[in-house]
Amino acid sequence: MYLLMQAAATQEPHFPYASVTVLALGFIAATTIGSIAWFNSKRPVGWEDKERPSIVPDVEKEQTPGL
């Protein structure tokens, strides 16, 4: 038991690189997906005549029958 406590006490604190990487990649993905969705949605007031950036793909809406 003493050996386990001694091993735990001698470990230096470490920075959670994996958590920060997942957080950063998630933020980038959410920003990218949100930007694509915003540019493909109806334009807000004042933005109706603005052009879509060339980097944003055009997403077609699916038509559901009966609606």
PDB file of N, CA and C in Angstrom:
ATOM      1  N   MET A   1       0.825  -1.185   0.000  1.00  0.00           N
ATOM      2  CA  MET A   1       0.000   0.000   0.000  1.00  0.00           C
ATOM      3  C   MET A   1       0.878   1.262   0.000  1.00  0.00           C
ATOM      4  N   TYR A   2       1.928   1.204   0.813  1.00  0.00           N
ATOM      5  CA  TYR A   2       2.835   2.350   0.892  1.00  0.00           C
ATOM      6  C   TYR A   2       3.495   2.618  -0.463  1.00  0.00           C
ATOM      7  N   LEU A   3       3.793   1.571  -1.199  1.00  0.00           N
ATOM      8  CA  LEU A   3       4.441   1.708  -2.501  1.00  0.00           C
ATOM      9  C   LEU A   3       3.514   2.434  -3.488  1.00  0.00           C
ATOM     10  N   LEU A   4       2.230   2.108  -3.490  1.00  0.00           N
ATOM     11  CA  LEU A   4       1.266   2.778  -4.370  1.00  0.00           C
ATOM     12  C   LEU A   4       1.109   4.251  -4.008  1.00  0.00           C
ATOM     13  N   MET A   5       1.049   4.545  -2.729  1.00  0.00           N
ATOM     14  CA  MET A   5       0.915   5.944  -2.300  1.00  0.00           C
ATOM     15  C   MET A   5       2.162   6.732  -2.670  1.00  0.00           C
ATOM     16  N   GLN A   6       3.330   6.117  -2.548  1.00  0.00           N
ATOM     17  CA  GLN A   6       4.577   6.793  -2.886  1.00  0.00           C
ATOM     18  C   GLN A   6       4.649   7.033  -4.400  1.00  0.00           C
ATOM     19  N   ALA A   7       4.205   6.079  -5.212  1.00  0.00           N
ATOM     20  CA  ALA A   7       4.230   6.229  -6.667  1.00  0.00           C
ATOM     21  C   ALA A   7       3.275   7.341  -7.101  1.00  0.00           C
ATOM     22  N   ALA A   8       2.120   7.426  -6.458  1.00  0.00           N
ATOM     23  CA  ALA A   8       1.144   8.462  -6.805  1.00  0.00           C
ATOM     24  C   ALA A   8       1.635   9.839  -6.373  1.00  0.00           C
ATOM     25  N   ALA A   9       2.359   9.910  -5.283  1.00  0.00           N
ATOM     26  CA  ALA A   9       2.834  11.190  -4.772  1.00  0.00           C
ATOM     27  C   ALA A   9       3.999  11.741  -5.581  1.00  0.00           C
ATOM     28  N   THR A  10       4.763  10.875  -6.240  1.00  0.00           N
ATOM     29  CA  THR A  10       5.934  11.350  -6.965  1.00  0.00           C
ATOM     30  C   THR A  10       5.633  11.730  -8.417  1.00  0.00           C
ATOM     31  N   GLN A  11       4.443  11.437  -8.901  1.00  0.00           N
ATOM     32  CA  GLN A  11       4.104  11.804 -10.280  1.00  0.00           C
ATOM     33  C   GLN A  11       3.904  13.307 -10.369  1.00  0.00           C
ATOM     34  N   GLU A  12       4.493  13.871 -11.399  1.00  0.00           N
ATOM     35  CA  GLU A  12       4.328  15.310 -11.615  1.00  0.00           C
ATOM     36  C   GLU A  12       2.988  15.567 -12.291  1.00  0.00           C
ATOM     37  N   PRO A  13       2.396  16.717 -12.013  1.00  0.00           N
ATOM     38  CA  PRO A  13       1.145  17.036 -12.707  1.00  0.00           C
ATOM     39  C   PRO A  13       1.414  17.209 -14.197  1.00  0.00           C
ATOM     40  N   HIS A  14       0.447  16.842 -15.022  1.00  0.00           N
ATOM     41  CA  HIS A  14       0.627  16.935 -16.459  1.00  0.00           C
ATOM     42  C   HIS A  14      -0.525  17.719 -17.082  1.00  0.00           C
ATOM     43  N   PHE A  15      -0.266  18.319 -18.195  1.00  0.00           N
ATOM     44  CA  PHE A  15      -1.274  19.103 -18.902  1.00  0.00           C
ATOM     45  C   PHE A  15      -2.125  18.155 -19.745  1.00  0.00           C
ATOM     46  N   PRO A  16      -3.454  18.298 -19.724  1.00  0.00           N
ATOM     47  CA  PRO A  16      -4.331  17.382 -20.465  1.00  0.00           C
ATOM     48  C   PRO A  16      -4.369  17.709 -21.961  1.00  0.00           C
ATOM     49  N   TYR A  17      -3.325  17.319 -22.684  1.00  0.00           N
ATOM     50  CA  TYR A  17      -3.222  17.625 -24.113  1.00  0.00           C
ATOM     51  C   TYR A  17      -4.369  17.022 -24.908  1.00  0.00           C
ATOM     52  N   ALA A  18      -4.764  15.803 -24.590  1.00  0.00           N
ATOM     53  CA  ALA A  18      -5.835  15.140 -25.330  1.00  0.00           C
ATOM     54  C   ALA A  18      -7.152  15.896 -25.180  1.00  0.00           C
ATOM     55  N   SER A  19      -7.465  16.340 -23.977  1.00  0.00           N
ATOM     56  CA  SER A  19      -8.712  17.075 -23.750  1.00  0.00           C
ATOM     57  C   SER A  19      -8.721  18.405 -24.498  1.00  0.00           C
ATOM     58  N   VAL A  20      -7.624  19.096 -24.474  1.00  0.00           N
ATOM     59  CA  VAL A  20      -7.534  20.383 -25.167  1.00  0.00           C
ATOM     60  C   VAL A  20      -7.631  20.178 -26.679  1.00  0.00           C
ATOM     61  N   THR A  21      -7.027  19.121 -27.193  1.00  0.00           N
ATOM     62  CA  THR A  21      -7.090  18.825 -28.620  1.00  0.00           C
ATOM     63  C   THR A  21      -8.521  18.515 -29.046  1.00  0.00           C
ATOM     64  N   VAL A  22      -9.223  17.690 -28.286  1.00  0.00           N
ATOM     65  CA  VAL A  22     -10.615  17.366 -28.600  1.00  0.00           C
ATOM     66  C   VAL A  22     -11.479  18.617 -28.527  1.00  0.00           C
ATOM     67  N   LEU A  23     -11.264  19.446 -27.542  1.00  0.00           N
ATOM     68  CA  LEU A  23     -12.019  20.685 -27.402  1.00  0.00           C
ATOM     69  C   LEU A  23     -11.775  21.620 -28.588  1.00  0.00           C
ATOM     70  N   ALA A  24     -10.527  21.776 -28.996  1.00  0.00           N
ATOM     71  CA  ALA A  24     -10.196  22.656 -30.113  1.00  0.00           C
ATOM     72  C   ALA A  24     -10.774  22.131 -31.421  1.00  0.00           C
ATOM     73  N   LEU A  25     -10.640  20.828 -31.666  1.00  0.00           N
ATOM     74  CA  LEU A  25     -11.191  20.257 -32.899  1.00  0.00           C
ATOM     75  C   LEU A  25     -12.716  20.334 -32.918  1.00  0.00           C
ATOM     76  N   GLY A  26     -13.347  20.156 -31.786  1.00  0.00           N
ATOM     77  CA  GLY A  26     -14.806  20.287 -31.700  1.00  0.00           C
ATOM     78  C   GLY A  26     -15.258  21.704 -31.975  1.00  0.00           C
ATOM     79  N   PHE A  27     -14.523  22.673 -31.478  1.00  0.00           N
ATOM     80  CA  PHE A  27     -14.863  24.080 -31.726  1.00  0.00           C
ATOM     81  C   PHE A  27     -14.725  24.406 -33.211  1.00  0.00           C
ATOM     82  N   ILE A  28     -13.643  23.936 -33.820  1.00  0.00           N
ATOM     83  CA  ILE A  28     -13.437  24.198 -35.243  1.00  0.00           C
ATOM     84  C   ILE A  28     -14.538  23.528 -36.073  1.00  0.00           C
ATOM     85  N   ALA A  29     -14.889  22.291 -35.740  1.00  0.00           N
ATOM     86  CA  ALA A  29     -15.938  21.586 -36.467  1.00  0.00           C
ATOM     87  C   ALA A  29     -17.288  22.283 -36.307  1.00  0.00           C
ATOM     88  N   ALA A  30     -17.616  22.693 -35.095  1.00  0.00           N
ATOM     89  CA  ALA A  30     -18.887  23.370 -34.863  1.00  0.00           C
ATOM     90  C   ALA A  30     -18.952  24.706 -35.599  1.00  0.00           C
ATOM     91  N   THR A  31     -17.858  25.432 -35.612  1.00  0.00           N
ATOM     92  CA  THR A  31     -17.816  26.707 -36.319  1.00  0.00           C
ATOM     93  C   THR A  31     -17.969  26.503 -37.820  1.00  0.00           C
ATOM     94  N   THR A  32     -17.308  25.497 -38.361  1.00  0.00           N
ATOM     95  CA  THR A  32     -17.393  25.217 -39.799  1.00  0.00           C
ATOM     96  C   THR A  32     -18.798  24.780 -40.188  1.00  0.00           C
ATOM     97  N   ILE A  33     -19.362  23.842 -39.461  1.00  0.00           N
ATOM     98  CA  ILE A  33     -20.704  23.347 -39.764  1.00  0.00           C
ATOM     99  C   ILE A  33     -21.738  24.455 -39.576  1.00  0.00           C
ATOM    100  N   GLY A  34     -21.590  25.239 -38.538  1.00  0.00           N
ATOM    101  CA  GLY A  34     -22.515  26.355 -38.311  1.00  0.00           C
ATOM    102  C   GLY A  34     -22.432  27.401 -39.400  1.00  0.00           C
ATOM    103  N   SER A  35     -21.233  27.678 -39.891  1.00  0.00           N
ATOM    104  CA  SER A  35     -21.082  28.650 -40.973  1.00  0.00           C
ATOM    105  C   SER A  35     -21.737  28.157 -42.256  1.00  0.00           C
ATOM    106  N   ILE A  36     -21.548  26.885 -42.570  1.00  0.00           N
ATOM    107  CA  ILE A  36     -22.182  26.319 -43.765  1.00  0.00           C
ATOM    108  C   ILE A  36     -23.699  26.377 -43.625  1.00  0.00           C
ATOM    109  N   ALA A  37     -24.219  26.033 -42.474  1.00  0.00           N
ATOM    110  CA  ALA A  37     -25.663  26.069 -42.259  1.00  0.00           C
ATOM    111  C   ALA A  37     -26.194  27.499 -42.350  1.00  0.00           C
ATOM    112  N   TRP A  38     -25.472  28.453 -41.798  1.00  0.00           N
ATOM    113  CA  TRP A  38     -25.927  29.839 -41.824  1.00  0.00           C
ATOM    114  C   TRP A  38     -25.945  30.390 -43.251  1.00  0.00           C
ATOM    115  N   PHE A  39     -24.892  30.094 -44.017  1.00  0.00           N
ATOM    116  CA  PHE A  39     -24.840  30.595 -45.386  1.00  0.00           C
ATOM    117  C   PHE A  39     -25.869  29.921 -46.282  1.00  0.00           C
ATOM    118  N   ASN A  40     -26.324  28.719 -45.937  1.00  0.00           N
ATOM    119  CA  ASN A  40     -27.330  28.025 -46.734  1.00  0.00           C
ATOM    120  C   ASN A  40     -28.745  28.297 -46.249  1.00  0.00           C
ATOM    121  N   SER A  41     -28.912  29.026 -45.184  1.00  0.00           N
ATOM    122  CA  SER A  41     -30.237  29.337 -44.678  1.00  0.00           C
ATOM    123  C   SER A  41     -30.727  30.640 -45.309  1.00  0.00           C
ATOM    124  N   LYS A  42     -31.953  31.017 -44.948  1.00  0.00           N
ATOM    125  CA  LYS A  42     -32.493  32.282 -45.425  1.00  0.00           C
ATOM    126  C   LYS A  42     -31.641  33.411 -44.858  1.00  0.00           C
ATOM    127  N   ARG A  43     -31.347  34.376 -45.681  1.00  0.00           N
ATOM    128  CA  ARG A  43     -30.484  35.487 -45.263  1.00  0.00           C
ATOM    129  C   ARG A  43     -31.207  36.412 -44.277  1.00  0.00           C
ATOM    130  N   PRO A  44     -30.504  36.874 -43.270  1.00  0.00           N
ATOM    131  CA  PRO A  44     -31.088  37.853 -42.353  1.00  0.00           C
ATOM    132  C   PRO A  44     -31.306  39.197 -43.061  1.00  0.00           C
ATOM    133  N   VAL A  45     -32.050  40.062 -42.429  1.00  0.00           N
ATOM    134  CA  VAL A  45     -32.329  41.380 -42.992  1.00  0.00           C
ATOM    135  C   VAL A  45     -31.009  42.103 -43.255  1.00  0.00           C
ATOM    136  N   GLY A  46     -30.856  42.620 -44.467  1.00  0.00           N
ATOM    137  CA  GLY A  46     -29.649  43.322 -44.848  1.00  0.00           C
ATOM    138  C   GLY A  46     -28.637  42.453 -45.566  1.00  0.00           C
ATOM    139  N   TRP A  47     -28.827  41.149 -45.530  1.00  0.00           N
ATOM    140  CA  TRP A  47     -27.880  40.228 -46.161  1.00  0.00           C
ATOM    141  C   TRP A  47     -28.485  39.551 -47.391  1.00  0.00           C
ATOM    142  N   GLU A  48     -29.693  39.927 -47.798  1.00  0.00           N
ATOM    143  CA  GLU A  48     -30.374  39.237 -48.892  1.00  0.00           C
ATOM    144  C   GLU A  48     -29.609  39.320 -50.208  1.00  0.00           C
ATOM    145  N   ASP A  49     -28.953  40.440 -50.482  1.00  0.00           N
ATOM    146  CA  ASP A  49     -28.285  40.627 -51.765  1.00  0.00           C
ATOM    147  C   ASP A  49     -26.795  40.270 -51.731  1.00  0.00           C
ATOM    148  N   LYS A  50     -26.311  39.737 -50.638  1.00  0.00           N
ATOM    149  CA  LYS A  50     -24.895  39.373 -50.526  1.00  0.00           C
ATOM    150  C   LYS A  50     -24.643  38.036 -51.203  1.00  0.00           C
ATOM    151  N   GLU A  51     -23.463  37.874 -51.795  1.00  0.00           N
ATOM    152  CA  GLU A  51     -23.101  36.625 -52.461  1.00  0.00           C
ATOM    153  C   GLU A  51     -22.595  35.609 -51.455  1.00  0.00           C
ATOM    154  N   ARG A  52     -22.829  34.349 -51.792  1.00  0.00           N
ATOM    155  CA  ARG A  52     -22.324  33.247 -50.980  1.00  0.00           C
ATOM    156  C   ARG A  52     -20.828  33.114 -51.248  1.00  0.00           C
ATOM    157  N   PRO A  53     -19.990  32.941 -50.215  1.00  0.00           N
ATOM    158  CA  PRO A  53     -18.564  32.734 -50.446  1.00  0.00           C
ATOM    159  C   PRO A  53     -18.331  31.471 -51.288  1.00  0.00           C
ATOM    160  N   SER A  54     -17.307  31.467 -52.087  1.00  0.00           N
ATOM    161  CA  SER A  54     -17.047  30.336 -52.982  1.00  0.00           C
ATOM    162  C   SER A  54     -16.658  29.067 -52.226  1.00  0.00           C
ATOM    163  N   ILE A  55     -16.186  29.201 -51.006  1.00  0.00           N
ATOM    164  CA  ILE A  55     -15.755  28.035 -50.236  1.00  0.00           C
ATOM    165  C   ILE A  55     -16.938  27.273 -49.634  1.00  0.00           C
ATOM    166  N   VAL A  56     -18.107  27.902 -49.531  1.00  0.00           N
ATOM    167  CA  VAL A  56     -19.281  27.287 -48.921  1.00  0.00           C
ATOM    168  C   VAL A  56     -20.038  26.479 -49.965  1.00  0.00           C
ATOM    169  N   PRO A  57     -20.241  25.171 -49.727  1.00  0.00           N
ATOM    170  CA  PRO A  57     -20.961  24.359 -50.711  1.00  0.00           C
ATOM    171  C   PRO A  57     -22.459  24.681 -50.706  1.00  0.00           C
ATOM    172  N   ASP A  58     -23.098  24.479 -51.861  1.00  0.00           N
ATOM    173  CA  ASP A  58     -24.531  24.702 -51.983  1.00  0.00           C
ATOM    174  C   ASP A  58     -25.257  23.427 -51.585  1.00  0.00           C
ATOM    175  N   VAL A  59     -26.106  23.496 -50.563  1.00  0.00           N
ATOM    176  CA  VAL A  59     -26.830  22.326 -50.070  1.00  0.00           C
ATOM    177  C   VAL A  59     -28.288  22.476 -50.484  1.00  0.00           C
ATOM    178  N   GLU A  60     -28.780  21.473 -51.207  1.00  0.00           N
ATOM    179  CA  GLU A  60     -30.172  21.486 -51.665  1.00  0.00           C
ATOM    180  C   GLU A  60     -31.076  20.941 -50.587  1.00  0.00           C
ATOM    181  N   LYS A  61     -32.281  21.552 -50.420  1.00  0.00           N
ATOM    182  CA  LYS A  61     -33.263  21.074 -49.472  1.00  0.00           C
ATOM    183  C   LYS A  61     -33.972  19.870 -50.039  1.00  0.00           C
ATOM    184  N   GLU A  62     -34.328  18.904 -49.194  1.00  0.00           N
ATOM    185  CA  GLU A  62     -35.102  17.767 -49.629  1.00  0.00           C
ATOM    186  C   GLU A  62     -36.575  18.137 -49.565  1.00  0.00           C
ATOM    187  N   GLN A  63     -37.300  17.775 -50.585  1.00  0.00           N
ATOM    188  CA  GLN A  63     -38.741  18.021 -50.623  1.00  0.00           C
ATOM    189  C   GLN A  63     -39.458  16.772 -50.121  1.00  0.00           C
ATOM    190  N   THR A  64     -40.254  16.927 -49.055  1.00  0.00           N
ATOM    191  CA  THR A  64     -41.008  15.786 -48.534  1.00  0.00           C
ATOM    192  C   THR A  64     -42.398  15.812 -49.150  1.00  0.00           C
ATOM    193  N   PRO A  65     -42.866  14.689 -49.669  1.00  0.00           N
ATOM    194  CA  PRO A  65     -44.179  14.658 -50.303  1.00  0.00           C
ATOM    195  C   PRO A  65     -45.281  14.866 -49.281  1.00  0.00           C
ATOM    196  N   GLY A  66     -46.280  15.632 -49.691  1.00  0.00           N
ATOM    197  CA  GLY A  66     -47.451  15.850 -48.825  1.00  0.00           C
ATOM    198  C   GLY A  66     -47.329  17.055 -47.923  1.00  0.00           C
ATOM    199  N   LEU A  67     -46.208  17.740 -47.947  1.00  0.00           N
ATOM    200  CA  LEU A  67     -46.081  18.916 -47.082  1.00  0.00           C
ATOM    201  C   LEU A  67     -46.031  20.165 -47.873  1.00  0.00           C
TER     202      LEU A  67
END
